[in-house]
Amino acid sequence: MEARKVQITGKSTYMITLPKRWAVDVGLQPGSLVSITYRDDGTLLLTPPIAQPFVSRKILKINDNMNELKMDIIGAYVMGHQFIELHANMSMIPQETRREVKELCKNLIGIEIVEETRSKIVIYDILNPGEFTIDRGLKRMHALVSGMLKDLIDTFNLRTRVEMLSEIIAREEEVDRVYLLILKQFIRRLKTGWVSREDQLNLVEAFHYRLAADNLERIGDHTVKIANTLHSIDFAKDVQKGITGRLVELGKDSLDIIEKSVISLRSRDTKLASSVFSANAKLKERMSKISQLTIGTPDALPLGIITDSISRIGDYAENIAELAIDLCQL
């Protein structure tokens, strides 16, 4: 960081000089236009007219551990590398590796394979970051997770439960795709200070939204866990009368808590955020009563898994409400 003295010319013009090293590095010339963005926290962002933007390239080695390679590709994607090159240690990339890399790319928004040779695969990020904001991503995640939970509640009274449960589980992939894109956009903000013209969030707000996305992703995980558990239960035969209705009501209340937590974050509504805590406390009391009723029954274990996941969903909604309250202190 460099400190520069502010000078005044005339009666009202404030001036500072630009560091020569920076001006040379970004190619400024006499007459060059520098964009100035005023941020809510009082800082200014100077953006030079770069004719040829920097292209980030990451080279990864292909080895026998496919899981490790997948994690490396996802990490390189989140870190914002525009090109990801995969090089084989052997003379030729196995067909199974090619197939799994292609499947992975389908689950990363904006990623395409643009080159393939016997020993190399080149992945290119074609997404324009200005088309996606963190706020838009959070709204999308919320819509996806809420839709999954709502459909899950509806399966309690459907004969086509198995097909619908499978469809709910499959939708988790879309939640993960949006989540990874939010992480990628946040990392871009940290690394370059880049902000989309459509993105109204400052860096602190973006950080809180990124944490909220973490909690929505975990809510999606527990929704899928409940769906998987429901596959093993025949409510018509094995579950006590009245338990099904109580679980449905718990699910609806969980959906309402999630809704309130996300709205409170996006609107900075502390009153609404506070209501999430009291609503979740009541939810836990009712779950405790259900657990007592199912003790010793044949389906006590799967029903316990379901109530535990509903409890965790409420906790994650509380986390989002806490983020809303924190943001209100800015």
C-alpha atoms as a PDB file:
ATOM      1  CA  MET A   1       0.000   0.000   0.000  1.00  0.00           C
ATOM      2  CA  GLU A   2       1.239   3.499  -0.855  1.00  0.00           C
ATOM      3  CA  ALA A   3       0.215   6.735   0.829  1.00  0.00           C
ATOM      4  CA  ARG A   4      -0.352   9.817  -1.329  1.00  0.00           C
ATOM      5  CA  LYS A   5      -1.000  13.390  -0.228  1.00  0.00           C
ATOM      6  CA  VAL A   6      -4.213  15.026  -1.386  1.00  0.00           C
ATOM      7  CA  GLN A   7      -3.656  18.322  -3.201  1.00  0.00           C
ATOM      8  CA  ILE A   8      -6.174  21.032  -3.978  1.00  0.00           C
ATOM      9  CA  THR A   9      -6.136  22.968  -7.220  1.00  0.00           C
ATOM     10  CA  GLY A  10      -8.359  25.924  -7.665  1.00  0.00           C
ATOM     11  CA  LYS A  11     -11.038  26.151  -5.003  1.00  0.00           C
ATOM     12  CA  SER A  12     -12.701  22.734  -5.078  1.00  0.00           C
ATOM     13  CA  THR A  13     -10.679  20.169  -7.048  1.00  0.00           C
ATOM     14  CA  TYR A  14      -8.968  17.448  -5.023  1.00  0.00           C
ATOM     15  CA  MET A  15      -6.093  15.626  -6.706  1.00  0.00           C
ATOM     16  CA  ILE A  16      -3.706  12.738  -6.043  1.00  0.00           C
ATOM     17  CA  THR A  17      -1.000  11.375  -8.315  1.00  0.00           C
ATOM     18  CA  LEU A  18      -1.077   7.792  -9.559  1.00  0.00           C
ATOM     19  CA  PRO A  19       1.836   5.443  -8.776  1.00  0.00           C
ATOM     20  CA  LYS A  20       4.135   5.354 -11.801  1.00  0.00           C
ATOM     21  CA  ARG A  21       4.747   1.608 -11.520  1.00  0.00           C
ATOM     22  CA  TRP A  22       1.011   0.888 -11.657  1.00  0.00           C
ATOM     23  CA  ALA A  23       0.487   3.258 -14.579  1.00  0.00           C
ATOM     24  CA  VAL A  24       3.278   1.577 -16.540  1.00  0.00           C
ATOM     25  CA  ASP A  25       2.131  -1.958 -15.669  1.00  0.00           C
ATOM     26  CA  VAL A  26      -1.423  -1.351 -16.917  1.00  0.00           C
ATOM     27  CA  GLY A  27      -0.256   0.609 -19.975  1.00  0.00           C
ATOM     28  CA  LEU A  28      -1.619   4.068 -19.203  1.00  0.00           C
ATOM     29  CA  GLN A  29      -0.830   6.758 -21.752  1.00  0.00           C
ATOM     30  CA  PRO A  30      -1.557  10.516 -21.804  1.00  0.00           C
ATOM     31  CA  GLY A  31      -5.269  10.805 -22.506  1.00  0.00           C
ATOM     32  CA  SER A  32      -6.130   7.321 -21.209  1.00  0.00           C
ATOM     33  CA  LEU A  33      -9.511   7.023 -19.505  1.00  0.00           C
ATOM     34  CA  VAL A  34      -9.560   5.436 -16.045  1.00  0.00           C
ATOM     35  CA  SER A  35     -12.931   4.321 -14.691  1.00  0.00           C
ATOM     36  CA  ILE A  36     -13.649   5.323 -11.083  1.00  0.00           C
ATOM     37  CA  THR A  37     -16.209   3.354  -9.067  1.00  0.00           C
ATOM     38  CA  TYR A  38     -17.439   4.749  -5.748  1.00  0.00           C
ATOM     39  CA  ARG A  39     -18.229   2.056  -3.186  1.00  0.00           C
ATOM     40  CA  ASP A  40     -20.562   2.129  -0.202  1.00  0.00           C
ATOM     41  CA  ASP A  41     -17.681   1.696   2.234  1.00  0.00           C
ATOM     42  CA  GLY A  42     -16.082   4.933   1.020  1.00  0.00           C
ATOM     43  CA  THR A  43     -13.337   3.371  -1.102  1.00  0.00           C
ATOM     44  CA  LEU A  44     -12.705   4.071  -4.774  1.00  0.00           C
ATOM     45  CA  LEU A  45     -11.963   1.420  -7.379  1.00  0.00           C
ATOM     46  CA  LEU A  46      -9.757   2.514 -10.298  1.00  0.00           C
ATOM     47  CA  THR A  47     -10.136   0.400 -13.418  1.00  0.00           C
ATOM     48  CA  PRO A  48      -7.647   0.992 -16.244  1.00  0.00           C
ATOM     49  CA  PRO A  49      -8.563   0.481 -19.922  1.00  0.00           C
ATOM     50  CA  ILE A  50      -6.954  -2.919 -20.465  1.00  0.00           C
ATOM     51  CA  ALA A  51      -6.903  -3.856 -24.149  1.00  0.00           C
ATOM     52  CA  GLN A  52      -5.971  -7.481 -23.506  1.00  0.00           C
ATOM     53  CA  PRO A  53      -7.328  -8.778 -20.201  1.00  0.00           C
ATOM     54  CA  PHE A  54      -5.240 -11.204 -18.194  1.00  0.00           C
ATOM     55  CA  VAL A  55      -6.033 -14.834 -18.927  1.00  0.00           C
ATOM     56  CA  SER A  56      -5.535 -17.192 -16.007  1.00  0.00           C
ATOM     57  CA  ARG A  57      -4.418 -20.726 -16.854  1.00  0.00           C
ATOM     58  CA  LYS A  58      -4.096 -23.715 -14.510  1.00  0.00           C
ATOM     59  CA  ILE A  59      -2.248 -26.917 -15.463  1.00  0.00           C
ATOM     60  CA  LEU A  60      -3.197 -30.135 -13.688  1.00  0.00           C
ATOM     61  CA  LYS A  61      -1.575 -33.543 -13.933  1.00  0.00           C
ATOM     62  CA  ILE A  62      -3.774 -36.583 -14.536  1.00  0.00           C
ATOM     63  CA  ASN A  63      -2.963 -39.483 -12.238  1.00  0.00           C
ATOM     64  CA  ASP A  64      -4.667 -42.675 -11.110  1.00  0.00           C
ATOM     65  CA  ASN A  65      -6.728 -40.926  -8.409  1.00  0.00           C
ATOM     66  CA  MET A  66      -9.846 -39.712 -10.236  1.00  0.00           C
ATOM     67  CA  ASN A  67     -11.461 -38.254  -7.100  1.00  0.00           C
ATOM     68  CA  GLU A  68      -8.381 -36.137  -6.473  1.00  0.00           C
ATOM     69  CA  LEU A  69      -8.424 -34.904 -10.078  1.00  0.00           C
ATOM     70  CA  LYS A  70     -12.099 -33.957  -9.812  1.00  0.00           C
ATOM     71  CA  MET A  71     -11.453 -31.956  -6.636  1.00  0.00           C
ATOM     72  CA  ASP A  72      -8.536 -30.186  -8.334  1.00  0.00           C
ATOM     73  CA  ILE A  73     -10.713 -29.259 -11.328  1.00  0.00           C
ATOM     74  CA  ILE A  74     -13.463 -27.915  -9.065  1.00  0.00           C
ATOM     75  CA  GLY A  75     -10.877 -25.969  -7.049  1.00  0.00           C
ATOM     76  CA  ALA A  76      -9.374 -24.448 -10.204  1.00  0.00           C
ATOM     77  CA  TYR A  77     -12.880 -23.514 -11.390  1.00  0.00           C
ATOM     78  CA  VAL A  78     -13.782 -21.837  -8.086  1.00  0.00           C
ATOM     79  CA  MET A  79     -10.472 -19.953  -8.097  1.00  0.00           C
ATOM     80  CA  GLY A  80     -11.487 -18.400 -11.414  1.00  0.00           C
ATOM     81  CA  HIS A  81      -8.977 -19.881 -13.851  1.00  0.00           C
ATOM     82  CA  GLN A  82     -10.256 -19.319 -17.372  1.00  0.00           C
ATOM     83  CA  PHE A  83      -8.304 -22.227 -18.846  1.00  0.00           C
ATOM     84  CA  ILE A  84      -7.789 -25.535 -17.050  1.00  0.00           C
ATOM     85  CA  GLU A  85      -5.378 -27.881 -18.825  1.00  0.00           C
ATOM     86  CA  LEU A  86      -5.245 -31.569 -17.922  1.00  0.00           C
ATOM     87  CA  HIS A  87      -2.004 -33.342 -18.881  1.00  0.00           C
ATOM     88  CA  ALA A  88      -1.504 -37.086 -18.722  1.00  0.00           C
ATOM     89  CA  ASN A  89       1.576 -38.610 -17.132  1.00  0.00           C
ATOM     90  CA  MET A  90       1.171 -41.543 -19.470  1.00  0.00           C
ATOM     91  CA  SER A  91       1.169 -41.391 -23.254  1.00  0.00           C
ATOM     92  CA  MET A  92      -2.631 -41.435 -23.582  1.00  0.00           C
ATOM     93  CA  ILE A  93      -5.568 -40.368 -21.398  1.00  0.00           C
ATOM     94  CA  PRO A  94      -7.807 -43.382 -20.603  1.00  0.00           C
ATOM     95  CA  GLN A  95     -11.337 -43.256 -22.040  1.00  0.00           C
ATOM     96  CA  GLU A  96     -12.856 -43.665 -18.578  1.00  0.00           C
ATOM     97  CA  THR A  97     -10.995 -40.552 -17.400  1.00  0.00           C
ATOM     98  CA  ARG A  98     -12.242 -38.599 -20.414  1.00  0.00           C
ATOM     99  CA  ARG A  99     -15.805 -39.693 -19.707  1.00  0.00           C
ATOM    100  CA  GLU A 100     -15.667 -38.667 -16.031  1.00  0.00           C
ATOM    101  CA  VAL A 101     -14.106 -35.285 -16.854  1.00  0.00           C
ATOM    102  CA  LYS A 102     -16.895 -34.600 -19.352  1.00  0.00           C
ATOM    103  CA  GLU A 103     -19.527 -35.554 -16.788  1.00  0.00           C
ATOM    104  CA  LEU A 104     -17.919 -33.225 -14.242  1.00  0.00           C
ATOM    105  CA  CYS A 105     -17.889 -30.335 -16.714  1.00  0.00           C
ATOM    106  CA  LYS A 106     -21.655 -30.701 -17.128  1.00  0.00           C
ATOM    107  CA  ASN A 107     -22.015 -29.883 -13.430  1.00  0.00           C
ATOM    108  CA  LEU A 108     -19.942 -26.686 -13.617  1.00  0.00           C
ATOM    109  CA  ILE A 109     -21.810 -23.690 -15.039  1.00  0.00           C
ATOM    110  CA  GLY A 110     -20.063 -22.082 -18.026  1.00  0.00           C
ATOM    111  CA  ILE A 111     -17.432 -24.781 -18.493  1.00  0.00           C
ATOM    112  CA  GLU A 112     -16.721 -26.348 -21.898  1.00  0.00           C
ATOM    113  CA  ILE A 113     -14.060 -28.702 -23.226  1.00  0.00           C
ATOM    114  CA  VAL A 114     -12.464 -26.871 -26.164  1.00  0.00           C
ATOM    115  CA  GLU A 115      -9.524 -29.151 -26.998  1.00  0.00           C
ATOM    116  CA  GLU A 116      -8.729 -32.847 -26.720  1.00  0.00           C
ATOM    117  CA  THR A 117      -5.617 -34.712 -27.771  1.00  0.00           C
ATOM    118  CA  ARG A 118      -4.209 -38.107 -26.839  1.00  0.00           C
ATOM    119  CA  SER A 119      -2.476 -36.665 -23.768  1.00  0.00           C
ATOM    120  CA  LYS A 120      -4.263 -33.365 -23.030  1.00  0.00           C
ATOM    121  CA  ILE A 121      -7.724 -31.967 -22.284  1.00  0.00           C
ATOM    122  CA  VAL A 122      -8.319 -28.207 -22.258  1.00  0.00           C
ATOM    123  CA  ILE A 123     -11.313 -26.842 -20.345  1.00  0.00           C
ATOM    124  CA  TYR A 124     -12.458 -23.261 -20.987  1.00  0.00           C
ATOM    125  CA  ASP A 125     -14.713 -21.042 -18.872  1.00  0.00           C
ATOM    126  CA  ILE A 126     -17.009 -19.278 -21.338  1.00  0.00           C
ATOM    127  CA  LEU A 127     -19.242 -17.577 -18.750  1.00  0.00           C
ATOM    128  CA  ASN A 128     -19.305 -13.794 -18.697  1.00  0.00           C
ATOM    129  CA  PRO A 129     -19.054 -13.007 -14.954  1.00  0.00           C
ATOM    130  CA  GLY A 130     -21.064  -9.830 -15.460  1.00  0.00           C
ATOM    131  CA  GLU A 131     -24.127 -11.941 -16.272  1.00  0.00           C
ATOM    132  CA  PHE A 132     -24.232 -13.504 -12.804  1.00  0.00           C
ATOM    133  CA  THR A 133     -24.305 -11.787  -9.426  1.00  0.00           C
ATOM    134  CA  ILE A 134     -23.966 -13.294  -5.970  1.00  0.00           C
ATOM    135  CA  ASP A 135     -27.387 -11.930  -5.015  1.00  0.00           C
ATOM    136  CA  ARG A 136     -28.963 -13.546  -8.068  1.00  0.00           C
ATOM    137  CA  GLY A 137     -27.220 -16.812  -7.227  1.00  0.00           C
ATOM    138  CA  LEU A 138     -28.539 -16.764  -3.652  1.00  0.00           C
ATOM    139  CA  LYS A 139     -32.078 -16.189  -4.917  1.00  0.00           C
ATOM    140  CA  ARG A 140     -31.683 -19.120  -7.300  1.00  0.00           C
ATOM    141  CA  MET A 141     -30.355 -21.412  -4.569  1.00  0.00           C
ATOM    142  CA  HIS A 142     -33.211 -20.427  -2.282  1.00  0.00           C
ATOM    143  CA  ALA A 143     -35.770 -21.155  -5.009  1.00  0.00           C
ATOM    144  CA  LEU A 144     -34.231 -24.544  -5.751  1.00  0.00           C
ATOM    145  CA  VAL A 145     -33.941 -25.659  -2.128  1.00  0.00           C
ATOM    146  CA  SER A 146     -37.434 -24.418  -1.248  1.00  0.00           C
ATOM    147  CA  GLY A 147     -38.852 -26.200  -4.271  1.00  0.00           C
ATOM    148  CA  MET A 148     -37.155 -29.449  -3.270  1.00  0.00           C
ATOM    149  CA  LEU A 149     -38.489 -29.223   0.292  1.00  0.00           C
ATOM    150  CA  LYS A 150     -41.990 -28.294  -0.858  1.00  0.00           C
ATOM    151  CA  ASP A 151     -42.129 -31.252  -3.236  1.00  0.00           C
ATOM    152  CA  LEU A 152     -40.742 -33.478  -0.482  1.00  0.00           C
ATOM    153  CA  ILE A 153     -43.642 -32.482   1.781  1.00  0.00           C
ATOM    154  CA  ASP A 154     -46.094 -33.295  -1.013  1.00  0.00           C
ATOM    155  CA  THR A 155     -44.707 -36.836  -1.374  1.00  0.00           C
ATOM    156  CA  PHE A 156     -46.223 -37.865   1.966  1.00  0.00           C
ATOM    157  CA  ASN A 157     -49.643 -37.990   0.339  1.00  0.00           C
ATOM    158  CA  LEU A 158     -48.729 -39.269  -3.136  1.00  0.00           C
ATOM    159  CA  ARG A 159     -48.852 -42.757  -4.546  1.00  0.00           C
ATOM    160  CA  THR A 160     -46.083 -41.881  -7.027  1.00  0.00           C
ATOM    161  CA  ARG A 161     -43.721 -41.170  -4.134  1.00  0.00           C
ATOM    162  CA  VAL A 162     -40.739 -43.160  -5.426  1.00  0.00           C
ATOM    163  CA  GLU A 163     -40.580 -41.330  -8.763  1.00  0.00           C
ATOM    164  CA  MET A 164     -40.941 -37.921  -7.135  1.00  0.00           C
ATOM    165  CA  LEU A 165     -38.322 -38.652  -4.483  1.00  0.00           C
ATOM    166  CA  SER A 166     -35.836 -39.627  -7.187  1.00  0.00           C
ATOM    167  CA  GLU A 167     -36.544 -36.368  -9.019  1.00  0.00           C
ATOM    168  CA  ILE A 168     -35.988 -34.347  -5.830  1.00  0.00           C
ATOM    169  CA  ILE A 169     -32.653 -36.082  -5.224  1.00  0.00           C
ATOM    170  CA  ALA A 170     -31.551 -35.369  -8.797  1.00  0.00           C
ATOM    171  CA  ARG A 171     -32.186 -31.633  -8.317  1.00  0.00           C
ATOM    172  CA  GLU A 172     -29.396 -31.430  -5.754  1.00  0.00           C
ATOM    173  CA  GLU A 173     -26.913 -31.285  -8.634  1.00  0.00           C
ATOM    174  CA  GLU A 174     -28.372 -27.950  -9.751  1.00  0.00           C
ATOM    175  CA  VAL A 175     -28.088 -26.590  -6.199  1.00  0.00           C
ATOM    176  CA  ASP A 176     -24.408 -27.578  -6.137  1.00  0.00           C
ATOM    177  CA  ARG A 177     -23.794 -25.990  -9.565  1.00  0.00           C
ATOM    178  CA  VAL A 178     -25.152 -22.620  -8.443  1.00  0.00           C
ATOM    179  CA  TYR A 179     -23.322 -22.889  -5.114  1.00  0.00           C
ATOM    180  CA  LEU A 180     -19.947 -23.398  -6.820  1.00  0.00           C
ATOM    181  CA  LEU A 181     -20.631 -20.434  -9.097  1.00  0.00           C
ATOM    182  CA  ILE A 182     -21.334 -18.228  -6.067  1.00  0.00           C
ATOM    183  CA  LEU A 183     -18.017 -19.330  -4.537  1.00  0.00           C
ATOM    184  CA  LYS A 184     -16.263 -18.546  -7.800  1.00  0.00           C
ATOM    185  CA  GLN A 185     -17.770 -15.046  -7.996  1.00  0.00           C
ATOM    186  CA  PHE A 186     -16.826 -14.317  -4.393  1.00  0.00           C
ATOM    187  CA  ILE A 187     -13.223 -15.424  -4.945  1.00  0.00           C
ATOM    188  CA  ARG A 188     -13.102 -13.143  -7.979  1.00  0.00           C
ATOM    189  CA  ARG A 189     -14.186 -10.251  -5.778  1.00  0.00           C
ATOM    190  CA  LEU A 190     -11.415 -11.045  -3.284  1.00  0.00           C
ATOM    191  CA  LYS A 191      -8.665 -11.499  -5.843  1.00  0.00           C
ATOM    192  CA  THR A 192      -9.295  -8.585  -8.181  1.00  0.00           C
ATOM    193  CA  GLY A 193     -11.834  -6.330  -6.526  1.00  0.00           C
ATOM    194  CA  TRP A 194     -13.903  -6.803  -9.677  1.00  0.00           C
ATOM    195  CA  VAL A 195     -17.573  -5.898  -9.342  1.00  0.00           C
ATOM    196  CA  SER A 196     -20.311  -6.383 -11.923  1.00  0.00           C
ATOM    197  CA  ARG A 197     -22.295  -3.255 -12.736  1.00  0.00           C
ATOM    198  CA  GLU A 198     -25.397  -5.209 -11.775  1.00  0.00           C
ATOM    199  CA  ASP A 199     -23.930  -6.307  -8.433  1.00  0.00           C
ATOM    200  CA  GLN A 200     -25.013  -3.910  -5.696  1.00  0.00           C
ATOM    201  CA  LEU A 201     -23.272  -5.780  -2.853  1.00  0.00           C
ATOM    202  CA  ASN A 202     -20.179  -4.454  -1.152  1.00  0.00           C
ATOM    203  CA  LEU A 203     -17.471  -6.910  -0.098  1.00  0.00           C
ATOM    204  CA  VAL A 204     -18.850  -7.429   3.440  1.00  0.00           C
ATOM    205  CA  GLU A 205     -22.338  -8.089   2.083  1.00  0.00           C
ATOM    206  CA  ALA A 206     -20.932 -10.474  -0.520  1.00  0.00           C
ATOM    207  CA  PHE A 207     -19.138 -12.392   2.258  1.00  0.00           C
ATOM    208  CA  HIS A 208     -22.355 -12.780   4.257  1.00  0.00           C
ATOM    209  CA  TYR A 209     -24.265 -13.903   1.166  1.00  0.00           C
ATOM    210  CA  ARG A 210     -21.543 -16.446   0.448  1.00  0.00           C
ATOM    211  CA  LEU A 211     -21.949 -17.815   4.008  1.00  0.00           C
ATOM    212  CA  ALA A 212     -25.715 -17.926   3.509  1.00  0.00           C
ATOM    213  CA  ALA A 213     -25.135 -19.984   0.360  1.00  0.00           C
ATOM    214  CA  ASP A 214     -23.151 -22.469   2.488  1.00  0.00           C
ATOM    215  CA  ASN A 215     -26.182 -22.939   4.721  1.00  0.00           C
ATOM    216  CA  LEU A 216     -28.611 -23.278   1.808  1.00  0.00           C
ATOM    217  CA  GLU A 217     -26.357 -25.930   0.290  1.00  0.00           C
ATOM    218  CA  ARG A 218     -26.474 -27.888   3.561  1.00  0.00           C
ATOM    219  CA  ILE A 219     -30.256 -27.507   3.710  1.00  0.00           C
ATOM    220  CA  GLY A 220     -30.346 -29.070   0.258  1.00  0.00           C
ATOM    221  CA  ASP A 221     -28.158 -31.943   1.510  1.00  0.00           C
ATOM    222  CA  HIS A 222     -30.540 -32.676   4.387  1.00  0.00           C
ATOM    223  CA  THR A 223     -33.547 -32.470   2.080  1.00  0.00           C
ATOM    224  CA  VAL A 224     -31.929 -35.184  -0.036  1.00  0.00           C
ATOM    225  CA  LYS A 225     -31.117 -37.185   3.114  1.00  0.00           C
ATOM    226  CA  ILE A 226     -34.801 -37.104   4.079  1.00  0.00           C
ATOM    227  CA  ALA A 227     -35.798 -38.140   0.546  1.00  0.00           C
ATOM    228  CA  ASN A 228     -33.412 -41.099   0.637  1.00  0.00           C
ATOM    229  CA  THR A 229     -34.776 -42.143   4.035  1.00  0.00           C
ATOM    230  CA  LEU A 230     -38.384 -41.956   2.844  1.00  0.00           C
ATOM    231  CA  HIS A 231     -37.608 -44.643   0.268  1.00  0.00           C
ATOM    232  CA  SER A 232     -37.433 -47.182   3.111  1.00  0.00           C
ATOM    233  CA  ILE A 233     -40.682 -46.263   4.863  1.00  0.00           C
ATOM    234  CA  ASP A 234     -44.227 -47.358   4.053  1.00  0.00           C
ATOM    235  CA  PHE A 235     -46.290 -44.744   5.887  1.00  0.00           C
ATOM    236  CA  ALA A 236     -49.588 -46.472   5.154  1.00  0.00           C
ATOM    237  CA  LYS A 237     -48.524 -49.689   6.913  1.00  0.00           C
ATOM    238  CA  ASP A 238     -45.732 -48.951   9.369  1.00  0.00           C
ATOM    239  CA  VAL A 239     -46.157 -45.430  10.748  1.00  0.00           C
ATOM    240  CA  GLN A 240     -48.512 -44.614  13.614  1.00  0.00           C
ATOM    241  CA  LYS A 241     -51.644 -42.663  12.817  1.00  0.00           C
ATOM    242  CA  GLY A 242     -51.086 -38.949  13.166  1.00  0.00           C
ATOM    243  CA  ILE A 243     -47.305 -39.056  12.789  1.00  0.00           C
ATOM    244  CA  THR A 244     -47.445 -38.431   9.040  1.00  0.00           C
ATOM    245  CA  GLY A 245     -49.561 -35.317   9.509  1.00  0.00           C
ATOM    246  CA  ARG A 246     -47.204 -34.008  12.165  1.00  0.00           C
ATOM    247  CA  LEU A 247     -44.185 -34.511   9.914  1.00  0.00           C
ATOM    248  CA  VAL A 248     -45.952 -32.654   7.114  1.00  0.00           C
ATOM    249  CA  GLU A 249     -46.627 -29.714   9.441  1.00  0.00           C
ATOM    250  CA  LEU A 250     -42.977 -29.716  10.573  1.00  0.00           C
ATOM    251  CA  GLY A 251     -41.868 -29.631   6.944  1.00  0.00           C
ATOM    252  CA  LYS A 252     -44.161 -26.701   6.153  1.00  0.00           C
ATOM    253  CA  ASP A 253     -42.900 -24.781   9.173  1.00  0.00           C
ATOM    254  CA  SER A 254     -39.287 -25.479   8.139  1.00  0.00           C
ATOM    255  CA  LEU A 255     -40.078 -24.099   4.697  1.00  0.00           C
ATOM    256  CA  ASP A 256     -41.507 -20.955   6.292  1.00  0.00           C
ATOM    257  CA  ILE A 257     -38.422 -20.515   8.495  1.00  0.00           C
ATOM    258  CA  ILE A 258     -36.094 -20.771   5.488  1.00  0.00           C
ATOM    259  CA  GLU A 259     -38.200 -18.222   3.619  1.00  0.00           C
ATOM    260  CA  LYS A 260     -38.091 -15.751   6.506  1.00  0.00           C
ATOM    261  CA  SER A 261     -34.337 -16.162   7.021  1.00  0.00           C
ATOM    262  CA  VAL A 262     -33.442 -15.459   3.390  1.00  0.00           C
ATOM    263  CA  ILE A 263     -35.848 -12.528   3.105  1.00  0.00           C
ATOM    264  CA  SER A 264     -34.495 -11.058   6.345  1.00  0.00           C
ATOM    265  CA  LEU A 265     -30.948 -11.267   4.952  1.00  0.00           C
ATOM    266  CA  ARG A 266     -31.753  -9.687   1.604  1.00  0.00           C
ATOM    267  CA  SER A 267     -33.906  -6.942   3.175  1.00  0.00           C
ATOM    268  CA  ARG A 268     -31.829  -6.506   6.374  1.00  0.00           C
ATOM    269  CA  ASP A 269     -34.926  -7.004   8.493  1.00  0.00           C
ATOM    270  CA  THR A 270     -33.847  -7.692  12.085  1.00  0.00           C
ATOM    271  CA  LYS A 271     -37.417  -8.171  13.321  1.00  0.00           C
ATOM    272  CA  LEU A 272     -38.064 -10.879  10.753  1.00  0.00           C
ATOM    273  CA  ALA A 273     -34.675 -12.457  11.490  1.00  0.00           C
ATOM    274  CA  SER A 274     -35.454 -12.574  15.204  1.00  0.00           C
ATOM    275  CA  SER A 275     -38.751 -14.349  14.508  1.00  0.00           C
ATOM    276  CA  VAL A 276     -36.767 -17.212  12.960  1.00  0.00           C
ATOM    277  CA  PHE A 277     -35.208 -18.070  16.338  1.00  0.00           C
ATOM    278  CA  SER A 278     -38.521 -18.294  18.198  1.00  0.00           C
ATOM    279  CA  ALA A 279     -40.119 -20.269  15.350  1.00  0.00           C
ATOM    280  CA  ASN A 280     -37.243 -22.751  15.299  1.00  0.00           C
ATOM    281  CA  ALA A 281     -37.434 -23.218  19.066  1.00  0.00           C
ATOM    282  CA  LYS A 282     -41.117 -24.177  18.767  1.00  0.00           C
ATOM    283  CA  LEU A 283     -40.238 -26.500  15.900  1.00  0.00           C
ATOM    284  CA  LYS A 284     -37.746 -28.365  18.073  1.00  0.00           C
ATOM    285  CA  GLU A 285     -40.285 -28.772  20.868  1.00  0.00           C
ATOM    286  CA  ARG A 286     -42.741 -30.429  18.496  1.00  0.00           C
ATOM    287  CA  MET A 287     -40.025 -32.665  17.061  1.00  0.00           C
ATOM    288  CA  SER A 288     -39.154 -33.832  20.550  1.00  0.00           C
ATOM    289  CA  LYS A 289     -42.763 -34.941  21.075  1.00  0.00           C
ATOM    290  CA  ILE A 290     -42.724 -36.893  17.797  1.00  0.00           C
ATOM    291  CA  SER A 291     -39.501 -38.613  18.811  1.00  0.00           C
ATOM    292  CA  GLN A 292     -41.089 -39.720  22.083  1.00  0.00           C
ATOM    293  CA  LEU A 293     -44.118 -41.136  20.244  1.00  0.00           C
ATOM    294  CA  THR A 294     -41.950 -43.208  17.875  1.00  0.00           C
ATOM    295  CA  ILE A 295     -39.675 -44.777  20.499  1.00  0.00           C
ATOM    296  CA  GLY A 296     -39.829 -48.562  20.238  1.00  0.00           C
ATOM    297  CA  THR A 297     -41.689 -48.575  16.904  1.00  0.00           C
ATOM    298  CA  PRO A 298     -40.336 -50.487  13.856  1.00  0.00           C
ATOM    299  CA  ASP A 299     -39.537 -47.246  12.039  1.00  0.00           C
ATOM    300  CA  ALA A 300     -38.036 -45.369  14.992  1.00  0.00           C
ATOM    301  CA  LEU A 301     -34.610 -45.185  13.330  1.00  0.00           C
ATOM    302  CA  PRO A 302     -35.631 -43.782   9.913  1.00  0.00           C
ATOM    303  CA  LEU A 303     -38.125 -41.422  11.538  1.00  0.00           C
ATOM    304  CA  GLY A 304     -35.349 -40.274  13.868  1.00  0.00           C
ATOM    305  CA  ILE A 305     -33.155 -39.525  10.837  1.00  0.00           C
ATOM    306  CA  ILE A 306     -35.964 -37.461   9.314  1.00  0.00           C
ATOM    307  CA  THR A 307     -36.613 -35.416  12.464  1.00  0.00           C
ATOM    308  CA  ASP A 308     -32.891 -34.887  12.979  1.00  0.00           C
ATOM    309  CA  SER A 309     -32.527 -33.529   9.436  1.00  0.00           C
ATOM    310  CA  ILE A 310     -35.521 -31.216   9.934  1.00  0.00           C
ATOM    311  CA  SER A 311     -33.869 -29.976  13.121  1.00  0.00           C
ATOM    312  CA  ARG A 312     -30.629 -29.271  11.280  1.00  0.00           C
ATOM    313  CA  ILE A 313     -32.515 -27.462   8.521  1.00  0.00           C
ATOM    314  CA  GLY A 314     -33.927 -25.151  11.186  1.00  0.00           C
ATOM    315  CA  ASP A 315     -30.430 -24.575  12.584  1.00  0.00           C
ATOM    316  CA  TYR A 316     -29.090 -23.619   9.159  1.00  0.00           C
ATOM    317  CA  ALA A 317     -31.995 -21.208   8.711  1.00  0.00           C
ATOM    318  CA  GLU A 318     -31.045 -19.696  12.080  1.00  0.00           C
ATOM    319  CA  ASN A 319     -27.494 -19.233  10.806  1.00  0.00           C
ATOM    320  CA  ILE A 320     -28.816 -17.215   7.864  1.00  0.00           C
ATOM    321  CA  ALA A 321     -30.947 -15.115  10.228  1.00  0.00           C
ATOM    322  CA  GLU A 322     -27.835 -14.426  12.324  1.00  0.00           C
ATOM    323  CA  LEU A 323     -26.061 -13.218   9.186  1.00  0.00           C
ATOM    324  CA  ALA A 324     -28.986 -10.852   8.557  1.00  0.00           C
ATOM    325  CA  ILE A 325     -28.680  -9.398  12.056  1.00  0.00           C
ATOM    326  CA  ASP A 326     -24.915  -9.003  11.646  1.00  0.00           C
ATOM    327  CA  LEU A 327     -25.357  -7.129   8.362  1.00  0.00           C
ATOM    328  CA  CYS A 328     -27.732  -4.702  10.012  1.00  0.00           C
ATOM    329  CA  GLN A 329     -24.855  -3.537  12.213  1.00  0.00           C
ATOM    330  CA  LEU A 330     -22.879  -2.170   9.253  1.00  0.00           C
END
